[in-house]
Amino acid sequence: MEIERGVREGMKQEEKVIFEEARTSLFSEFDAEISEVETEIHDLKFNNAKKQLMLDIENASGDEYTNLNSEFYSQLDALEKKLRLLNVKRQKLERILF
């Protein structure tokens, strides 16, 4: 009897450890993906600023600025949507697992 109870308690503890490791791993994956998208957004903004400076130096036409801004905001919007979606998924996961 006592041995069975000890075995069951040991198994419960092992299950808790495995669950905690899985949860931690899952959150780490989400955090890494979120960080990656945040870096992409930062890089996009930085590269856009560089391109605008080059257009300024070259005395570019208004059309070139319009094209650059259109492309930039399209890419930025897509990345920001992706980031919001990842954050929502992570929050849902937190509610489920905690």
C-alpha atoms as a PDB file:
ATOM      1  CA  MET A   1       0.000   0.000   0.000  1.00  0.00           C
ATOM      2  CA  GLU A   2       2.641   2.472   1.099  1.00  0.00           C
ATOM      3  CA  ILE A   3       4.837   1.589  -1.867  1.00  0.00           C
ATOM      4  CA  GLU A   4       1.964   2.059  -4.317  1.00  0.00           C
ATOM      5  CA  ARG A   5       1.188   5.477  -2.865  1.00  0.00           C
ATOM      6  CA  GLY A   6       4.855   6.444  -3.124  1.00  0.00           C
ATOM      7  CA  VAL A   7       4.989   5.302  -6.732  1.00  0.00           C
ATOM      8  CA  ARG A   8       1.815   7.255  -7.603  1.00  0.00           C
ATOM      9  CA  GLU A   9       3.124  10.402  -5.913  1.00  0.00           C
ATOM     10  CA  GLY A  10       6.433  10.006  -7.722  1.00  0.00           C
ATOM     11  CA  MET A  11       4.623   9.657 -11.031  1.00  0.00           C
ATOM     12  CA  LYS A  12       2.526  12.761 -10.311  1.00  0.00           C
ATOM     13  CA  GLN A  13       5.668  14.744  -9.535  1.00  0.00           C
ATOM     14  CA  GLU A  14       7.302  13.495 -12.732  1.00  0.00           C
ATOM     15  CA  GLU A  15       4.207  14.477 -14.742  1.00  0.00           C
ATOM     16  CA  LYS A  16       4.313  17.958 -13.193  1.00  0.00           C
ATOM     17  CA  VAL A  17       7.986  18.339 -14.114  1.00  0.00           C
ATOM     18  CA  ILE A  18       7.369  17.166 -17.687  1.00  0.00           C
ATOM     19  CA  PHE A  19       4.365  19.495 -18.033  1.00  0.00           C
ATOM     20  CA  GLU A  20       6.364  22.447 -16.693  1.00  0.00           C
ATOM     21  CA  GLU A  21       9.244  21.723 -19.077  1.00  0.00           C
ATOM     22  CA  ALA A  22       6.839  21.500 -22.024  1.00  0.00           C
ATOM     23  CA  ARG A  23       5.121  24.731 -21.018  1.00  0.00           C
ATOM     24  CA  THR A  24       8.435  26.537 -20.622  1.00  0.00           C
ATOM     25  CA  SER A  25       9.619  25.246 -23.995  1.00  0.00           C
ATOM     26  CA  LEU A  26       6.416  26.327 -25.706  1.00  0.00           C
ATOM     27  CA  PHE A  27       6.609  29.839 -24.260  1.00  0.00           C
ATOM     28  CA  SER A  28      10.271  30.070 -25.221  1.00  0.00           C
ATOM     29  CA  GLU A  29       9.343  29.252 -28.809  1.00  0.00           C
ATOM     30  CA  PHE A  30       6.654  31.953 -28.838  1.00  0.00           C
ATOM     31  CA  ASP A  31       9.007  34.484 -27.239  1.00  0.00           C
ATOM     32  CA  ALA A  32      11.715  33.700 -29.799  1.00  0.00           C
ATOM     33  CA  GLU A  33       9.272  34.131 -32.683  1.00  0.00           C
ATOM     34  CA  ILE A  34       7.938  37.391 -31.206  1.00  0.00           C
ATOM     35  CA  SER A  35      11.488  38.671 -30.777  1.00  0.00           C
ATOM     36  CA  GLU A  36      12.287  37.731 -34.370  1.00  0.00           C
ATOM     37  CA  VAL A  37       9.299  39.698 -35.701  1.00  0.00           C
ATOM     38  CA  GLU A  38      10.188  42.688 -33.505  1.00  0.00           C
ATOM     39  CA  THR A  39      13.707  42.580 -34.966  1.00  0.00           C
ATOM     40  CA  GLU A  40      12.275  42.419 -38.498  1.00  0.00           C
ATOM     41  CA  ILE A  41      10.153  45.505 -37.753  1.00  0.00           C
ATOM     42  CA  HIS A  42      13.175  47.374 -36.384  1.00  0.00           C
ATOM     43  CA  ASP A  43      15.295  46.383 -39.392  1.00  0.00           C
ATOM     44  CA  LEU A  44      12.538  47.399 -41.804  1.00  0.00           C
ATOM     45  CA  LYS A  45      12.264  50.842 -40.197  1.00  0.00           C
ATOM     46  CA  PHE A  46      16.045  51.259 -40.185  1.00  0.00           C
ATOM     47  CA  ASN A  47      16.409  50.210 -43.830  1.00  0.00           C
ATOM     48  CA  ASN A  48      13.542  52.488 -44.846  1.00  0.00           C
ATOM     49  CA  ALA A  49      15.229  55.420 -43.119  1.00  0.00           C
ATOM     50  CA  LYS A  50      18.466  54.633 -44.991  1.00  0.00           C
ATOM     51  CA  LYS A  51      16.603  54.495 -48.308  1.00  0.00           C
ATOM     52  CA  GLN A  52      14.922  57.827 -47.595  1.00  0.00           C
ATOM     53  CA  LEU A  53      18.291  59.399 -46.841  1.00  0.00           C
ATOM     54  CA  MET A  54      19.646  58.063 -50.129  1.00  0.00           C
ATOM     55  CA  LEU A  55      16.661  59.525 -51.969  1.00  0.00           C
ATOM     56  CA  ASP A  56      17.301  62.849 -50.213  1.00  0.00           C
ATOM     57  CA  ILE A  57      20.949  62.769 -51.279  1.00  0.00           C
ATOM     58  CA  GLU A  58      19.976  61.939 -54.867  1.00  0.00           C
ATOM     59  CA  ASN A  59      17.273  64.639 -54.951  1.00  0.00           C
ATOM     60  CA  ALA A  60      14.731  61.995 -55.908  1.00  0.00           C
ATOM     61  CA  SER A  61      11.332  62.721 -57.364  1.00  0.00           C
ATOM     62  CA  GLY A  62       8.124  62.595 -55.360  1.00  0.00           C
ATOM     63  CA  ASP A  63       7.104  59.375 -57.104  1.00  0.00           C
ATOM     64  CA  GLU A  64      10.152  57.581 -55.756  1.00  0.00           C
ATOM     65  CA  TYR A  65       9.241  58.654 -52.217  1.00  0.00           C
ATOM     66  CA  THR A  66       5.643  57.566 -52.755  1.00  0.00           C
ATOM     67  CA  ASN A  67       6.726  54.143 -53.994  1.00  0.00           C
ATOM     68  CA  LEU A  68       9.152  53.719 -51.111  1.00  0.00           C
ATOM     69  CA  ASN A  69       6.576  54.733 -48.511  1.00  0.00           C
ATOM     70  CA  SER A  70       3.894  52.534 -50.047  1.00  0.00           C
ATOM     71  CA  GLU A  71       6.147  49.486 -49.966  1.00  0.00           C
ATOM     72  CA  PHE A  72       7.380  50.305 -46.462  1.00  0.00           C
ATOM     73  CA  TYR A  73       3.930  50.711 -44.915  1.00  0.00           C
ATOM     74  CA  SER A  74       2.685  47.566 -46.634  1.00  0.00           C
ATOM     75  CA  GLN A  75       5.540  45.515 -45.187  1.00  0.00           C
ATOM     76  CA  LEU A  76       5.269  47.205 -41.792  1.00  0.00           C
ATOM     77  CA  ASP A  77       1.533  46.530 -41.626  1.00  0.00           C
ATOM     78  CA  ALA A  78       2.069  42.838 -42.406  1.00  0.00           C
ATOM     79  CA  LEU A  79       4.747  42.486 -39.723  1.00  0.00           C
ATOM     80  CA  GLU A  80       2.697  44.334 -37.112  1.00  0.00           C
ATOM     81  CA  LYS A  81      -0.302  42.081 -37.837  1.00  0.00           C
ATOM     82  CA  LYS A  82       1.924  39.031 -37.453  1.00  0.00           C
ATOM     83  CA  LEU A  83       3.237  40.382 -34.141  1.00  0.00           C
ATOM     84  CA  ARG A  84      -0.278  41.068 -32.827  1.00  0.00           C
ATOM     85  CA  LEU A  85      -1.375  37.561 -33.813  1.00  0.00           C
ATOM     86  CA  LEU A  86       1.594  35.997 -32.032  1.00  0.00           C
ATOM     87  CA  ASN A  87       0.890  38.009 -28.896  1.00  0.00           C
ATOM     88  CA  VAL A  88      -2.787  36.991 -28.941  1.00  0.00           C
ATOM     89  CA  LYS A  89      -1.840  33.332 -29.367  1.00  0.00           C
ATOM     90  CA  ARG A  90       0.632  33.600 -26.491  1.00  0.00           C
ATOM     91  CA  GLN A  91      -1.988  35.211 -24.234  1.00  0.00           C
ATOM     92  CA  LYS A  92      -4.489  32.453 -25.067  1.00  0.00           C
ATOM     93  CA  LEU A  93      -1.849  29.878 -24.272  1.00  0.00           C
ATOM     94  CA  GLU A  94      -1.177  31.557 -20.920  1.00  0.00           C
ATOM     95  CA  ARG A  95      -4.875  31.411 -20.043  1.00  0.00           C
ATOM     96  CA  ILE A  96      -5.041  27.729 -20.949  1.00  0.00           C
ATOM     97  CA  LEU A  97      -1.884  26.669 -19.142  1.00  0.00           C
ATOM     98  CA  PHE A  98      -2.082  28.792 -15.992  1.00  0.00           C
END
